[in-house]
Amino acid sequence: MICVECQLACCVDELTVTAWVVSDSRSFVEGQTAILACQSDSHGDIQLTWMKDGEPLALDDDETGDGSTLTLSDLTTVDSGEYVCVGTREHESVTSTPLSISVTGQCLLMLPASYKKSDKSKVFWIV
């Protein structure tokens, strides 16, 4: 009987989910694309979904996802926030560690139509 209990315990695995940003940074500028990825090494039929700021993510035209990846195209500042991947299997679910995404607006420089190199004005580029 002890061997049977041991074998049953070995067959049960804990549901785990890991999420990450497929990029070198979690900071983006408007218009860029962010790709988030999620996976579970657990066994069974696991459904992966995404949430933003604690709410289920309703995908629009600039967002696509199959559960394991979430592509956020043409980012705007509204896309800033905390994203989590949720793994669900039968009657249990687990949430990944939150991924904070920051999107800043584009900085546009407008010069007067009469701007000439000889003007005394100085233009500085900040990168």
Protein backbone atom coordinates (compact mmCIF):
# COMPACT_ATOMS: atom_id res chain seq x y z
CA MET A 1 0.00 0.00 0.00
CA ILE A 2 2.84 2.40 0.68
CA CYS A 3 4.22 1.83 -2.85
CA VAL A 4 0.82 2.57 -4.44
CA GLU A 5 0.52 5.87 -2.51
CA CYS A 6 4.02 6.82 -3.60
CA GLN A 7 3.24 6.10 -7.25
CA LEU A 8 0.07 8.19 -7.13
CA ALA A 9 1.87 11.14 -5.55
CA CYS A 10 4.53 11.01 -8.26
CA CYS A 11 1.92 11.31 -11.00
CA VAL A 12 0.43 14.59 -9.75
CA ASP A 13 2.17 17.72 -10.99
CA GLU A 14 1.63 21.29 -9.91
CA LEU A 15 0.23 23.70 -12.48
CA THR A 16 2.85 26.36 -13.29
CA VAL A 17 2.88 29.23 -15.79
CA THR A 18 5.81 31.42 -16.85
CA ALA A 19 5.48 34.63 -18.88
CA TRP A 20 8.11 36.93 -20.42
CA VAL A 21 8.53 39.81 -22.86
CA VAL A 22 10.19 38.81 -26.15
CA SER A 23 12.36 41.94 -26.21
CA ASP A 24 15.40 43.46 -24.55
CA SER A 25 13.19 46.00 -22.79
CA ARG A 26 9.79 46.46 -21.22
CA SER A 27 9.71 50.11 -22.32
CA PHE A 28 8.33 50.98 -25.74
CA VAL A 29 7.54 54.05 -27.84
CA GLU A 30 4.14 54.54 -29.46
CA GLY A 31 3.89 52.70 -32.77
CA GLN A 32 6.24 49.86 -31.79
CA THR A 33 5.23 46.21 -31.34
CA ALA A 34 5.54 44.22 -28.12
CA ILE A 35 5.40 40.43 -28.02
CA LEU A 36 4.65 38.65 -24.76
CA ALA A 37 5.09 34.91 -24.42
CA CYS A 38 3.75 32.37 -21.96
CA GLN A 39 4.28 28.67 -21.37
CA SER A 40 3.43 25.94 -18.95
CA ASP A 41 5.59 22.89 -18.36
CA SER A 42 2.72 21.14 -16.57
CA HIS A 43 0.92 18.13 -17.99
CA GLY A 44 -2.64 17.99 -19.22
CA ASP A 45 -4.88 20.17 -21.35
CA ILE A 46 -3.88 23.68 -20.25
CA GLN A 47 -5.62 26.77 -21.59
CA LEU A 48 -3.51 29.96 -21.59
CA THR A 49 -5.17 33.39 -21.58
CA TRP A 50 -3.99 36.95 -20.92
CA MET A 51 -5.13 39.67 -18.51
CA LYS A 52 -4.21 43.37 -18.33
CA ASP A 53 -4.45 45.33 -15.08
CA GLY A 54 -6.51 42.54 -13.49
CA GLU A 55 -9.10 42.34 -16.27
CA PRO A 56 -9.47 39.72 -19.03
CA LEU A 57 -7.86 41.08 -22.18
CA ALA A 58 -10.31 41.66 -25.02
CA LEU A 59 -8.23 41.55 -28.19
CA ASP A 60 -8.76 44.30 -30.75
CA ASP A 61 -7.37 44.83 -34.26
CA ASP A 62 -3.88 45.68 -32.96
CA GLU A 63 -3.68 42.68 -30.62
CA THR A 64 -3.44 39.03 -31.51
CA GLY A 65 -2.86 36.00 -29.37
CA ASP A 66 -3.17 32.25 -29.31
CA GLY A 67 -2.64 31.97 -25.56
CA SER A 68 1.07 31.23 -25.68
CA THR A 69 1.92 34.56 -27.32
CA LEU A 70 0.34 38.00 -27.23
CA THR A 71 1.33 40.49 -29.93
CA LEU A 72 0.56 44.15 -29.23
CA SER A 73 1.00 46.07 -32.50
CA ASP A 74 1.00 49.84 -33.02
CA LEU A 75 1.35 50.48 -29.27
CA THR A 76 -0.19 53.55 -27.64
CA THR A 77 0.13 54.82 -24.07
CA VAL A 78 -3.17 53.04 -23.28
CA ASP A 79 -1.27 49.74 -23.68
CA SER A 80 0.91 50.56 -20.63
CA GLY A 81 0.11 48.38 -17.64
CA GLU A 82 0.57 45.00 -15.96
CA TYR A 83 0.03 41.89 -18.05
CA VAL A 84 -0.29 38.36 -16.66
CA CYS A 85 -0.76 34.99 -18.28
CA VAL A 86 -3.35 32.71 -16.70
CA GLY A 87 -3.05 28.94 -17.04
CA THR A 88 -6.22 26.92 -16.48
CA ARG A 89 -6.48 23.13 -16.22
CA GLU A 90 -9.76 21.48 -15.26
CA HIS A 91 -10.73 23.13 -11.94
CA GLU A 92 -7.50 24.94 -11.15
CA SER A 93 -5.82 28.06 -12.45
CA VAL A 94 -2.58 29.88 -11.77
CA THR A 95 -1.34 33.34 -12.74
CA SER A 96 2.15 34.23 -13.91
CA THR A 97 4.30 36.91 -12.33
CA PRO A 98 3.10 40.30 -13.66
CA LEU A 99 4.90 41.89 -16.61
CA SER A 100 4.90 45.69 -16.49
CA ILE A 101 4.88 47.33 -19.92
CA SER A 102 5.55 51.04 -20.36
CA VAL A 103 4.64 52.92 -23.55
CA THR A 104 5.68 56.54 -24.01
CA GLY A 105 4.48 58.98 -26.64
CA GLN A 106 6.58 59.88 -29.64
CA CYS A 107 8.46 63.15 -29.50
CA LEU A 108 8.11 65.09 -32.72
CA LEU A 109 10.29 68.04 -33.62
CA MET A 110 8.67 70.67 -35.79
CA LEU A 111 10.90 73.27 -37.39
CA PRO A 112 9.64 76.43 -39.04
CA ALA A 113 9.42 76.23 -42.83
CA SER A 114 12.05 78.96 -43.09
CA TYR A 115 14.63 77.19 -40.91
CA LYS A 116 18.13 77.50 -42.35
CA LYS A 117 21.43 76.19 -41.16
CA SER A 118 22.66 79.78 -40.90
CA ASP A 119 19.94 80.65 -38.36
CA LYS A 120 21.25 81.35 -34.86
CA SER A 121 18.80 78.80 -33.45
CA LYS A 122 20.28 75.60 -32.15
CA VAL A 123 18.62 72.24 -32.49
CA PHE A 124 19.47 69.46 -30.06
CA TRP A 125 18.57 65.82 -30.51
CA ILE A 126 17.89 63.88 -27.35
CA VAL A 127 18.16 60.14 -27.72
